[in-house]
Amino acid sequence: MKMKKLLTNLSQNWKSGLTVSLVSIPLSVSLAVASHASPVMGIVTAVYAGLVAALFGGSNFNVVGPTGALSGILATFAIANGADALPMLAITSGLIILAAYFLQLERYLVFVPGGAIHGFTLGVAFIIGLNQLNFALGLSGLTSHEKFIENVIESLKHIGAASPTNVSLFGLALIALFAFKKFLPKLPGAIFVAPLGIVIGILSANHLIPLTIKTLGILHPTMSFSPFLAHPFSLSHNLIGPSLAVALVAILETMLSAKVADGMTKTKHHKQNEMRGLALANIASGIMGGLPATAALARTSLNIKTGATDKVSSTISSVSVAIISIFLLGYFKFIPLAVIAAILVYVAIQMVETEHFSRMFKYDKKNLIVSLLVATITIVEDPIVGILFGVAVASLLLLEKLSRGQFDLVLNTNNKMTGRISGDTIEEIVKDSDTILYSFKGLLCYINSEAHVERFHKSLNGYKNVILRFRSVYYMDLDGAEALDEIIKLIENQGKNVYLTSISPIIEELLSECQSYNKLKDSDRVFAKSSDVLKKLGFKLKT
């Protein structure tokens, strides 16, 4: 039975697996170059990370390998520590992800703000794109700087020495990639652009065409697939910060890709297993001499669109990358650097999430500012600093929002409850009301308890009856209970009446320790529903 199922999966998924492999090879080579690593390291990553993730992951569709999201961090790390240290970065990042898997930290990903991730992705897209200036312009021999922005300035200083041939080839390749996307969306342009570029490179190298084209062979004269790349297995304190950043980005990108895949296929991936697969994929990639890896959304989407139904497709893709590379990787030394630049610029442009930024501009300008700041810091300073800054600032903004104390307020007019105010700010109050219904929203804890107390001190102090509703409170701590005690005493000291309603069992146990709550309960001023209080006070309620 199992053999029959396997054969069925093979027959259904070999086309999608082979198609993804044909895209993965040029992308893995290009992204490895963008990460300041050797092209073979990119292939090793696609083979081992992809295979292990497929075998041990929790998504049937995710394709794991080198990605643009990590290349900015990897390039910065490689410049400072050397490309030979990248496999150890993959291993340590994998170990961190494995620890997160055992601690089930994927449950807390909701606390990582999307604005920070979008800003980081935008910054990395600029880094990938602008890093291709030398390849696109045909420049070489320029002074190399540690800072990315300094290298961009260095390239722009020498723009007058650009090669018209290389610039033209870059432009034509980039146009071709976008043309494929527009007119043949089911066929990834890299499958055709990369081989065509290799043919042009071979013709140029053998002087069969009157063009001088700089190829990958200038940087990597010999290129052949090896199942294992020797590298130093040594730990260093320099690995700590980059490993944490790589692990965070890898987890977020992988979970996002799996979520998108679920939406496209109407399926559900196993989050924890996907974490396990990602961890083992990075460890395996590093041991074999590869790079840190994460799920690639574009390759995952291609996997689905070309008919994948099972993780067998990703398995076939990884095996196919290895087989094809054994016979054909040597030819990639002839691929023009301008074509690599075009592929990477195309990848960078696809990374820019215009829809998200448009939405933030319309509805959440604070988050937009944070995103742009993260992008700027990522570009000018360092990708690791950028992502950490974004997470910290966006989290502070969230806490600041929570600290205001969310609420709903309903006032009475002509013996009817009308006039609702909702949010975290009171702008206008109907002064002739004698009864108000105040609903706490979400949290009532140390973060926002003071905001609620302050509100009753300054704005809500002129009413005969105050109904405090807890229907929407899903968490309360001791600080929240103490704040409630203070609010009740404040209202009663003004000679007003307090009523409590809709108290769930979740918070009732904590409130039972509150003296004011017990006093109200003993005097029959704690009700199951707000409507019961309103009826007691003589309000006309709609039936």
Protein backbone atom coordinates (compact mmCIF):
# COMPACT_ATOMS: atom_id res chain seq x y z
CA MET A 1 0.00 0.00 0.00
CA LYS A 2 2.82 2.38 0.92
CA MET A 3 4.70 1.50 -2.27
CA LYS A 4 1.59 2.20 -4.35
CA LYS A 5 1.16 5.59 -2.67
CA LEU A 6 4.82 6.41 -3.27
CA LEU A 7 4.56 5.52 -6.96
CA THR A 8 1.42 7.63 -7.26
CA ASN A 9 3.17 10.60 -5.62
CA LEU A 10 6.17 10.18 -7.90
CA SER A 11 3.99 10.17 -11.02
CA GLN A 12 2.09 13.25 -9.80
CA ASN A 13 5.08 15.28 -8.62
CA TRP A 14 8.06 14.58 -10.89
CA LYS A 15 7.23 17.40 -13.32
CA SER A 16 6.89 20.04 -10.58
CA GLY A 17 10.02 18.77 -8.83
CA LEU A 18 12.08 18.90 -12.04
CA THR A 19 10.74 22.36 -12.93
CA VAL A 20 11.64 23.76 -9.50
CA SER A 21 15.13 22.26 -9.77
CA LEU A 22 15.74 24.01 -13.10
CA VAL A 23 14.86 27.32 -11.43
CA SER A 24 16.76 26.53 -8.22
CA ILE A 25 20.13 26.00 -9.94
CA PRO A 26 20.58 29.51 -11.46
CA LEU A 27 18.99 31.12 -8.40
CA SER A 28 21.20 29.17 -5.98
CA VAL A 29 24.31 30.12 -7.94
CA SER A 30 23.25 33.77 -8.12
CA LEU A 31 22.20 34.05 -4.48
CA ALA A 32 25.43 32.39 -3.32
CA VAL A 33 27.39 35.00 -5.29
CA ALA A 34 25.19 37.72 -3.73
CA SER A 35 26.08 36.28 -0.30
CA HIS A 36 29.83 36.53 -1.12
CA ALA A 37 30.06 32.73 -1.20
CA SER A 38 31.07 30.33 -3.95
CA PRO A 39 28.40 29.15 -6.42
CA VAL A 40 28.96 25.53 -5.34
CA MET A 41 28.00 26.47 -1.76
CA GLY A 42 24.65 27.64 -3.09
CA ILE A 43 24.11 24.31 -4.90
CA VAL A 44 25.10 22.30 -1.81
CA THR A 45 22.56 24.34 0.17
CA ALA A 46 19.77 23.68 -2.35
CA VAL A 47 20.52 19.95 -2.31
CA TYR A 48 20.91 19.20 1.40
CA ALA A 49 18.73 21.89 2.98
CA GLY A 50 15.96 21.20 0.46
CA LEU A 51 16.14 17.44 0.91
CA VAL A 52 16.24 17.43 4.72
CA ALA A 53 13.46 20.03 4.99
CA ALA A 54 11.28 17.93 2.66
CA LEU A 55 11.88 14.77 4.69
CA PHE A 56 11.43 16.22 8.18
CA GLY A 57 9.33 19.37 7.66
CA GLY A 58 5.63 19.93 8.25
CA SER A 59 4.66 21.48 4.89
CA ASN A 60 3.98 19.47 1.75
CA PHE A 61 4.89 22.39 -0.50
CA ASN A 62 7.67 24.55 0.99
CA VAL A 63 10.92 24.60 -1.02
CA VAL A 64 13.92 25.36 1.20
CA GLY A 65 17.24 26.70 -0.06
CA PRO A 66 19.30 29.89 -0.45
CA THR A 67 17.10 33.01 -0.44
CA GLY A 68 17.35 36.72 -0.95
CA ALA A 69 15.97 37.38 2.54
CA LEU A 70 19.18 35.99 4.08
CA SER A 71 21.72 37.19 1.51
CA GLY A 72 22.14 40.65 3.06
CA ILE A 73 23.02 39.19 6.47
CA LEU A 74 25.26 36.55 4.88
CA ALA A 75 27.14 39.05 2.71
CA THR A 76 27.83 41.31 5.69
CA PHE A 77 28.98 38.34 7.75
CA ALA A 78 31.17 36.97 4.94
CA ILE A 79 32.91 40.34 4.42
CA ALA A 80 33.78 40.52 8.13
CA ASN A 81 34.57 36.83 8.78
CA GLY A 82 35.24 35.23 5.40
CA ALA A 83 33.04 32.95 3.28
CA ASP A 84 34.57 29.86 4.97
CA ALA A 85 32.70 30.78 8.17
CA LEU A 86 29.25 30.67 6.49
CA PRO A 87 28.73 26.90 7.00
CA MET A 88 29.29 27.31 10.75
CA LEU A 89 26.76 30.14 10.68
CA ALA A 90 24.27 27.70 9.14
CA ILE A 91 24.99 25.10 11.85
CA THR A 92 24.64 27.54 14.78
CA SER A 93 21.50 29.08 13.26
CA GLY A 94 20.08 25.57 12.88
CA LEU A 95 20.84 24.78 16.51
CA ILE A 96 19.04 27.96 17.61
CA ILE A 97 16.02 27.01 15.48
CA LEU A 98 16.16 23.50 16.97
CA ALA A 99 16.09 25.00 20.48
CA ALA A 100 13.10 27.13 19.42
CA TYR A 101 11.44 23.93 18.14
CA PHE A 102 11.86 22.11 21.47
CA LEU A 103 10.63 25.18 23.38
CA GLN A 104 7.70 25.55 20.94
CA LEU A 105 8.57 29.21 20.39
CA GLU A 106 6.68 29.28 17.07
CA ARG A 107 3.63 30.11 19.23
CA TYR A 108 5.16 33.54 19.94
CA LEU A 109 5.78 34.55 16.33
CA VAL A 110 2.61 36.64 16.53
CA PHE A 111 4.59 39.09 18.67
CA VAL A 112 7.08 39.81 15.88
CA PRO A 113 5.56 42.83 14.11
CA GLY A 114 4.99 42.59 10.39
CA GLY A 115 6.13 46.18 9.80
CA ALA A 116 9.65 45.34 10.96
CA ILE A 117 9.82 42.32 8.65
CA HIS A 118 8.52 44.28 5.65
CA GLY A 119 11.08 47.02 6.31
CA PHE A 120 13.89 44.50 6.63
CA THR A 121 12.82 42.80 3.38
CA LEU A 122 12.77 46.18 1.61
CA GLY A 123 16.26 46.98 2.90
CA VAL A 124 17.61 43.59 1.80
CA ALA A 125 16.01 44.06 -1.63
CA PHE A 126 17.94 47.34 -2.03
CA ILE A 127 21.15 45.65 -0.87
CA ILE A 128 20.75 42.80 -3.37
CA GLY A 129 19.85 45.15 -6.22
CA LEU A 130 22.50 47.82 -5.64
CA ASN A 131 25.14 45.19 -4.98
CA GLN A 132 24.85 44.24 -8.66
CA LEU A 133 26.12 47.58 -9.96
CA ASN A 134 29.61 46.24 -10.71
CA PHE A 135 28.26 43.18 -12.53
CA ALA A 136 25.66 45.16 -14.44
CA LEU A 137 28.10 47.90 -15.46
CA GLY A 138 30.99 45.55 -16.19
CA LEU A 139 33.25 47.16 -13.58
CA SER A 140 36.10 45.31 -11.87
CA GLY A 141 39.18 45.99 -9.78
CA LEU A 142 37.42 48.59 -7.60
CA THR A 143 38.43 49.18 -3.99
CA SER A 144 36.29 47.00 -1.68
CA HIS A 145 34.85 48.53 1.50
CA GLU A 146 33.33 46.85 4.54
CA LYS A 147 30.19 49.01 4.44
CA PHE A 148 27.66 48.26 1.72
CA ILE A 149 26.82 51.92 1.08
CA GLU A 150 30.50 52.76 0.61
CA ASN A 151 30.77 50.10 -2.09
CA VAL A 152 27.73 51.57 -3.87
CA ILE A 153 29.35 55.02 -3.81
CA GLU A 154 32.61 53.50 -5.12
CA SER A 155 30.72 51.92 -8.04
CA LEU A 156 28.91 55.16 -8.86
CA LYS A 157 32.23 57.03 -8.91
CA HIS A 158 33.39 54.77 -11.74
CA ILE A 159 30.14 54.69 -13.70
CA GLY A 160 31.92 56.44 -16.58
CA ALA A 161 34.01 53.29 -17.12
CA ALA A 162 30.92 51.11 -17.64
CA SER A 163 30.96 48.57 -20.47
CA PRO A 164 28.16 49.23 -23.01
CA THR A 165 28.13 45.51 -23.88
CA ASN A 166 27.59 44.39 -20.29
CA VAL A 167 25.04 47.14 -19.60
CA SER A 168 23.07 46.14 -22.71
CA LEU A 169 23.19 42.45 -21.80
CA PHE A 170 22.00 43.26 -18.27
CA GLY A 171 19.11 45.35 -19.61
CA LEU A 172 18.02 42.73 -22.14
CA ALA A 173 18.16 39.91 -19.57
CA LEU A 174 16.12 41.94 -17.05
CA ILE A 175 13.53 42.84 -19.70
CA ALA A 176 13.31 39.18 -20.68
CA LEU A 177 12.66 38.13 -17.07
CA PHE A 178 9.79 40.60 -16.72
CA ALA A 179 8.46 39.66 -20.16
CA PHE A 180 8.23 36.03 -19.08
CA LYS A 181 6.38 37.09 -15.94
CA LYS A 182 3.86 39.12 -17.94
CA PHE A 183 3.29 36.95 -20.99
CA LEU A 184 4.27 33.45 -19.78
CA PRO A 185 3.66 33.57 -16.00
CA LYS A 186 3.75 29.78 -15.66
CA LEU A 187 7.29 29.61 -17.08
CA PRO A 188 9.98 31.14 -14.82
CA GLY A 189 12.25 33.33 -16.94
CA ALA A 190 15.43 32.15 -15.18
CA ILE A 191 15.02 28.70 -16.82
CA PHE A 192 15.58 30.32 -20.24
CA VAL A 193 17.63 33.43 -19.46
CA ALA A 194 20.41 31.56 -17.60
CA PRO A 195 21.07 28.91 -20.33
CA LEU A 196 20.91 31.56 -23.05
CA GLY A 197 23.39 33.65 -21.09
CA ILE A 198 25.71 30.63 -20.78
CA VAL A 199 25.57 30.12 -24.56
CA ILE A 200 26.47 33.77 -25.13
CA GLY A 201 29.30 33.44 -22.62
CA ILE A 202 30.70 30.34 -24.38
CA LEU A 203 30.52 32.08 -27.78
CA SER A 204 32.31 35.11 -26.35
CA ALA A 205 35.00 33.02 -24.64
CA ASN A 206 35.72 31.20 -27.91
CA HIS A 207 35.72 34.45 -29.91
CA LEU A 208 32.81 33.29 -32.02
CA ILE A 209 31.03 36.61 -31.50
CA PRO A 210 32.68 40.06 -31.47
CA LEU A 211 31.75 40.77 -27.85
CA THR A 212 33.88 40.89 -24.70
CA ILE A 213 31.71 39.69 -21.85
CA LYS A 214 32.73 39.23 -18.23
CA THR A 215 31.57 35.86 -16.94
CA LEU A 216 31.41 34.09 -13.59
CA GLY A 217 34.62 32.30 -14.54
CA ILE A 218 36.53 35.51 -13.73
CA LEU A 219 35.61 35.05 -10.07
CA HIS A 220 35.41 31.23 -10.01
CA PRO A 221 37.55 29.73 -12.80
CA THR A 222 36.83 26.12 -11.85
CA MET A 223 33.36 25.02 -10.89
CA SER A 224 32.22 21.47 -10.31
CA PHE A 225 29.69 19.97 -7.96
CA SER A 226 31.05 18.35 -4.82
CA PRO A 227 28.82 16.53 -2.30
CA PHE A 228 30.92 17.91 0.56
CA LEU A 229 32.87 21.18 0.86
CA ALA A 230 35.61 21.20 3.48
CA HIS A 231 35.39 24.07 5.97
CA PRO A 232 36.60 24.89 9.49
CA PHE A 233 34.37 23.62 12.31
CA SER A 234 35.17 26.33 14.84
CA LEU A 235 32.90 28.30 17.14
CA SER A 236 33.38 32.03 17.73
CA HIS A 237 31.57 34.79 19.61
CA ASN A 238 31.19 36.50 16.20
CA LEU A 239 28.57 33.87 15.37
CA ILE A 240 26.12 34.75 18.15
CA GLY A 241 24.46 37.91 16.81
CA PRO A 242 24.31 36.84 13.14
CA SER A 243 23.04 33.36 14.10
CA LEU A 244 20.15 34.83 16.08
CA ALA A 245 19.28 37.18 13.21
CA VAL A 246 19.48 34.38 10.62
CA ALA A 247 17.37 32.08 12.80
CA LEU A 248 14.68 34.75 13.28
CA VAL A 249 14.48 35.64 9.58
CA ALA A 250 14.59 31.98 8.53
CA ILE A 251 11.73 31.05 10.88
CA LEU A 252 9.58 33.99 9.82
CA GLU A 253 10.18 33.50 6.08
CA THR A 254 9.54 29.75 6.32
CA MET A 255 6.32 30.13 8.30
CA LEU A 256 5.11 32.89 5.97
CA SER A 257 5.84 30.72 2.93
CA ALA A 258 4.04 27.74 4.49
CA LYS A 259 1.05 29.95 5.32
CA VAL A 260 0.86 31.25 1.74
CA ALA A 261 1.15 27.67 0.47
CA ASP A 262 -1.75 26.65 2.73
CA GLY A 263 -3.85 29.42 1.23
CA MET A 264 -3.03 28.36 -2.32
CA THR A 265 -3.73 24.66 -1.72
CA LYS A 266 -6.46 24.81 0.95
CA THR A 267 -4.33 22.62 3.22
CA LYS A 268 -2.79 23.03 6.68
CA HIS A 269 0.90 22.60 7.49
CA HIS A 270 2.24 21.40 10.86
CA LYS A 271 4.03 24.40 12.38
CA GLN A 272 6.19 22.54 14.85
CA ASN A 273 7.30 19.94 12.34
CA GLU A 274 8.17 22.70 9.89
CA MET A 275 10.38 24.26 12.58
CA ARG A 276 12.06 20.90 13.08
CA GLY A 277 12.63 20.50 9.34
CA LEU A 278 14.08 24.00 9.03
CA ALA A 279 16.46 23.42 11.95
CA LEU A 280 17.74 20.11 10.60
CA ALA A 281 17.98 21.57 7.08
CA ASN A 282 20.31 24.34 8.26
CA ILE A 283 22.43 21.96 10.34
CA ALA A 284 22.76 19.54 7.40
CA SER A 285 23.58 22.35 4.97
CA GLY A 286 26.27 23.70 7.29
CA ILE A 287 27.86 20.30 7.95
CA MET A 288 28.13 19.66 4.20
CA GLY A 289 29.63 23.12 3.56
CA GLY A 290 26.51 25.01 2.51
CA LEU A 291 24.82 28.25 3.54
CA PRO A 292 21.99 29.10 5.94
CA ALA A 293 18.67 28.39 4.26
CA THR A 294 15.01 29.22 4.53
CA ALA A 295 11.85 28.53 2.56
CA ALA A 296 11.74 30.41 -0.74
CA LEU A 297 8.27 31.80 -1.41
CA ALA A 298 8.76 32.16 -5.18
CA ARG A 299 10.01 28.57 -5.58
CA THR A 300 7.25 27.31 -3.26
CA SER A 301 4.62 29.09 -5.38
CA LEU A 302 6.17 27.64 -8.54
CA ASN A 303 6.11 24.20 -6.93
CA ILE A 304 2.36 24.50 -6.36
CA LYS A 305 1.56 26.08 -9.72
CA THR A 306 3.35 23.28 -11.61
CA GLY A 307 1.22 20.61 -9.96
CA ALA A 308 2.90 19.55 -6.69
CA THR A 309 0.65 17.55 -4.37
CA ASP A 310 3.14 16.22 -1.84
CA LYS A 311 6.59 16.87 -0.34
CA VAL A 312 7.86 14.25 -2.82
CA SER A 313 8.05 17.18 -5.25
CA SER A 314 10.59 19.05 -3.06
CA THR A 315 12.52 15.81 -2.62
CA ILE A 316 12.70 15.28 -6.38
CA SER A 317 13.76 18.90 -6.81
CA SER A 318 16.73 18.54 -4.45
CA VAL A 319 17.86 15.26 -6.01
CA SER A 320 17.47 16.75 -9.49
CA VAL A 321 19.58 19.77 -8.53
CA ALA A 322 22.38 17.38 -7.50
CA ILE A 323 22.15 15.23 -10.66
CA ILE A 324 21.97 18.17 -13.06
CA SER A 325 24.81 19.96 -11.25
CA ILE A 326 27.11 16.92 -11.54
CA PHE A 327 26.94 17.17 -15.33
CA LEU A 328 26.23 20.82 -16.06
CA LEU A 329 27.46 23.03 -13.19
CA GLY A 330 30.85 23.48 -14.88
CA TYR A 331 29.14 25.40 -17.67
CA PHE A 332 27.93 28.05 -15.22
CA LYS A 333 31.41 29.59 -15.22
CA PHE A 334 30.39 30.93 -18.66
CA ILE A 335 27.26 32.69 -17.40
CA PRO A 336 27.77 36.45 -17.85
CA LEU A 337 27.99 38.46 -14.65
CA ALA A 338 25.49 40.85 -16.23
CA VAL A 339 22.95 38.00 -16.46
CA ILE A 340 23.55 37.09 -12.81
CA ALA A 341 23.00 40.77 -11.98
CA ALA A 342 19.73 40.76 -13.93
CA ILE A 343 18.48 37.62 -12.13
CA LEU A 344 19.35 39.11 -8.72
CA VAL A 345 17.85 42.53 -9.50
CA TYR A 346 14.69 40.72 -10.63
CA VAL A 347 14.66 38.75 -7.35
CA ALA A 348 15.15 42.02 -5.42
CA ILE A 349 12.26 43.75 -7.18
CA GLN A 350 9.99 40.78 -6.51
CA MET A 351 10.88 41.02 -2.81
CA VAL A 352 9.42 44.54 -2.51
CA GLU A 353 5.93 44.12 -1.04
CA THR A 354 4.20 47.16 -2.53
CA GLU A 355 0.75 45.98 -1.42
CA HIS A 356 1.79 45.95 2.25
CA PHE A 357 3.39 49.39 2.07
CA SER A 358 0.33 50.81 0.32
CA ARG A 359 -1.90 49.42 3.07
CA MET A 360 0.37 50.82 5.80
CA PHE A 361 0.30 54.24 4.12
CA LYS A 362 -3.51 54.22 4.20
CA TYR A 363 -4.15 52.73 7.62
CA ASP A 364 -0.99 52.60 9.76
CA LYS A 365 1.47 55.40 9.09
CA LYS A 366 3.38 54.77 12.34
CA ASN A 367 4.14 51.24 11.19
CA LEU A 368 5.12 52.59 7.78
CA ILE A 369 7.65 54.96 9.37
CA VAL A 370 9.10 52.07 11.39
CA SER A 371 9.36 49.96 8.23
CA LEU A 372 11.19 52.71 6.34
CA LEU A 373 13.53 53.29 9.28
CA VAL A 374 14.32 49.57 9.40
CA ALA A 375 14.99 49.58 5.65
CA THR A 376 17.27 52.61 5.98
CA ILE A 377 19.27 51.13 8.87
CA THR A 378 19.51 47.80 7.03
CA ILE A 379 20.95 49.55 3.98
CA VAL A 380 23.19 52.14 5.63
CA GLU A 381 24.34 50.31 8.75
CA ASP A 382 23.76 46.55 8.91
CA PRO A 383 20.92 44.06 8.23
CA ILE A 384 21.21 42.56 11.72
CA VAL A 385 20.98 45.98 13.39
CA GLY A 386 18.04 46.79 11.11
CA ILE A 387 15.94 43.74 12.01
CA LEU A 388 16.68 44.02 15.74
CA PHE A 389 15.87 47.74 15.71
CA GLY A 390 12.61 47.08 13.89
CA VAL A 391 11.46 44.37 16.27
CA ALA A 392 12.34 46.52 19.30
CA VAL A 393 10.69 49.75 18.09
CA ALA A 394 7.57 48.09 16.66
CA SER A 395 7.14 46.13 19.90
CA LEU A 396 7.44 49.36 21.91
CA LEU A 397 4.78 50.97 19.71
CA LEU A 398 2.51 47.98 20.34
CA LEU A 399 3.06 48.23 24.09
CA GLU A 400 2.41 51.98 23.92
CA LYS A 401 -0.87 51.28 22.13
CA LEU A 402 -1.86 48.65 24.69
CA SER A 403 -0.88 50.94 27.56
CA ARG A 404 -3.64 53.38 26.63
CA GLY A 405 -6.28 50.88 27.74
CA GLN A 406 -8.79 49.87 25.06
CA PHE A 407 -12.46 50.37 25.95
CA ASP A 408 -16.04 50.82 24.78
CA LEU A 409 -18.19 53.50 26.42
CA VAL A 410 -21.98 53.75 26.07
CA LEU A 411 -23.87 56.74 27.50
CA ASN A 412 -27.56 57.29 28.18
CA THR A 413 -29.88 59.87 26.66
CA ASN A 414 -33.60 60.18 27.48
CA ASN A 415 -33.51 57.01 29.56
CA LYS A 416 -32.00 55.00 26.68
CA MET A 417 -28.43 53.82 26.24
CA THR A 418 -26.99 55.57 23.16
CA GLY A 419 -23.84 57.32 21.98
CA ARG A 420 -20.92 54.90 21.80
CA ILE A 421 -17.25 55.88 22.11
CA SER A 422 -14.67 53.21 21.28
CA GLY A 423 -10.88 52.96 21.14
CA ASP A 424 -8.37 54.36 23.60
CA THR A 425 -9.18 58.10 23.66
CA ILE A 426 -12.20 59.99 24.97
CA GLU A 427 -12.82 63.01 22.74
CA GLU A 428 -16.35 64.06 23.67
CA ILE A 429 -18.69 63.18 26.50
CA VAL A 430 -22.44 63.78 26.73
CA LYS A 431 -22.55 65.70 30.01
CA ASP A 432 -26.25 65.23 30.76
CA SER A 433 -25.91 61.45 31.02
CA ASP A 434 -26.34 60.00 34.50
CA THR A 435 -25.42 56.40 33.63
CA ILE A 436 -22.48 55.06 31.63
CA LEU A 437 -21.55 51.54 30.56
CA TYR A 438 -17.77 51.15 30.46
CA SER A 439 -16.40 47.99 28.83
CA PHE A 440 -12.78 46.97 29.37
CA LYS A 441 -11.27 45.50 26.18
CA GLY A 442 -8.73 42.69 25.95
CA LEU A 443 -6.15 43.11 28.69
CA LEU A 444 -6.46 44.57 32.16
CA CYS A 445 -2.94 44.30 33.52
CA TYR A 446 0.23 46.18 34.44
CA ILE A 447 0.59 47.53 30.88
CA ASN A 448 -2.68 49.46 30.72
CA SER A 449 -4.26 49.48 34.20
CA GLU A 450 -3.00 52.98 34.99
CA ALA A 451 -4.62 54.35 31.81
CA HIS A 452 -8.04 53.11 32.94
CA VAL A 453 -7.59 54.58 36.44
CA GLU A 454 -6.48 57.91 34.98
CA ARG A 455 -9.53 57.97 32.72
CA PHE A 456 -11.89 57.74 35.70
CA HIS A 457 -9.91 60.42 37.55
CA LYS A 458 -10.06 62.99 34.74
CA SER A 459 -12.96 62.30 32.37
CA LEU A 460 -15.45 59.87 33.88
CA ASN A 461 -16.27 61.48 37.21
CA GLY A 462 -19.72 63.04 36.72
CA TYR A 463 -22.15 60.14 36.60
CA LYS A 464 -24.61 58.72 39.08
CA ASN A 465 -24.31 55.11 37.88
CA VAL A 466 -21.21 53.45 36.43
CA ILE A 467 -21.49 49.96 34.95
CA LEU A 468 -18.15 48.20 34.48
CA ARG A 469 -18.37 45.36 31.96
CA PHE A 470 -15.74 42.60 31.61
CA ARG A 471 -17.18 40.55 28.76
CA SER A 472 -14.22 41.30 26.46
CA VAL A 473 -11.48 40.88 29.09
CA TYR A 474 -9.47 37.72 28.39
CA TYR A 475 -6.56 38.40 30.73
CA MET A 476 -6.14 40.14 34.06
CA ASP A 477 -3.18 40.17 36.45
CA LEU A 478 -2.76 41.40 40.04
CA ASP A 479 -2.02 44.95 38.86
CA GLY A 480 -5.28 44.91 36.90
CA ALA A 481 -7.22 43.72 39.97
CA GLU A 482 -5.64 46.45 42.10
CA ALA A 483 -6.52 49.05 39.44
CA LEU A 484 -10.13 47.87 39.47
CA ASP A 485 -10.16 48.14 43.24
CA GLU A 486 -8.91 51.73 42.94
CA ILE A 487 -11.54 52.59 40.31
CA ILE A 488 -14.38 51.19 42.45
CA LYS A 489 -13.21 53.11 45.54
CA LEU A 490 -12.77 56.30 43.49
CA ILE A 491 -16.36 56.12 42.18
CA GLU A 492 -17.84 55.25 45.57
CA ASN A 493 -15.93 58.06 47.29
CA GLN A 494 -17.76 60.44 44.94
CA GLY A 495 -21.09 59.07 46.19
CA LYS A 496 -21.81 57.21 42.93
CA ASN A 497 -23.09 53.68 42.31
CA VAL A 498 -20.88 50.97 40.78
CA TYR A 499 -22.07 47.79 39.09
CA LEU A 500 -19.99 44.96 37.66
CA THR A 501 -21.16 42.69 34.83
CA SER A 502 -20.11 39.81 32.58
CA ILE A 503 -17.26 38.55 34.74
CA SER A 504 -15.86 35.33 33.28
CA PRO A 505 -14.50 32.45 35.37
CA ILE A 506 -11.04 33.33 33.96
CA ILE A 507 -10.84 36.49 36.07
CA GLU A 508 -13.38 35.78 38.82
CA GLU A 509 -10.90 33.82 40.93
CA LEU A 510 -8.47 36.75 40.96
CA LEU A 511 -11.24 39.26 41.69
CA SER A 512 -12.42 37.19 44.63
CA GLU A 513 -9.29 38.42 46.44
CA CYS A 514 -10.35 42.03 45.81
CA GLN A 515 -12.09 43.63 48.81
CA SER A 516 -14.16 46.06 46.73
CA TYR A 517 -15.39 43.26 44.46
CA ASN A 518 -16.57 41.16 47.42
CA LYS A 519 -18.32 44.20 48.88
CA LEU A 520 -20.21 44.78 45.63
CA LYS A 521 -21.08 41.10 45.37
CA ASP A 522 -22.48 41.07 48.90
CA SER A 523 -24.65 44.09 48.08
CA ASP A 524 -26.03 42.47 44.90
CA ARG A 525 -24.26 44.79 42.47
CA VAL A 526 -22.51 42.08 40.44
CA PHE A 527 -24.59 40.84 37.49
CA ALA A 528 -24.22 38.19 34.80
CA LYS A 529 -25.38 40.56 32.03
CA SER A 530 -25.31 44.31 31.53
CA SER A 531 -28.96 44.21 30.46
CA ASP A 532 -29.88 42.99 33.96
CA VAL A 533 -28.35 46.14 35.50
CA LEU A 534 -30.00 48.41 32.96
CA LYS A 535 -33.40 46.88 33.66
CA LYS A 536 -32.86 47.40 37.37
CA LEU A 537 -32.04 51.06 36.71
CA GLY A 538 -35.26 51.48 34.72
CA PHE A 539 -33.88 51.62 31.17
CA LYS A 540 -36.01 50.75 28.18
CA LEU A 541 -34.26 47.97 26.28
CA LYS A 542 -34.96 46.79 22.77
CA THR A 543 -36.38 43.26 22.60
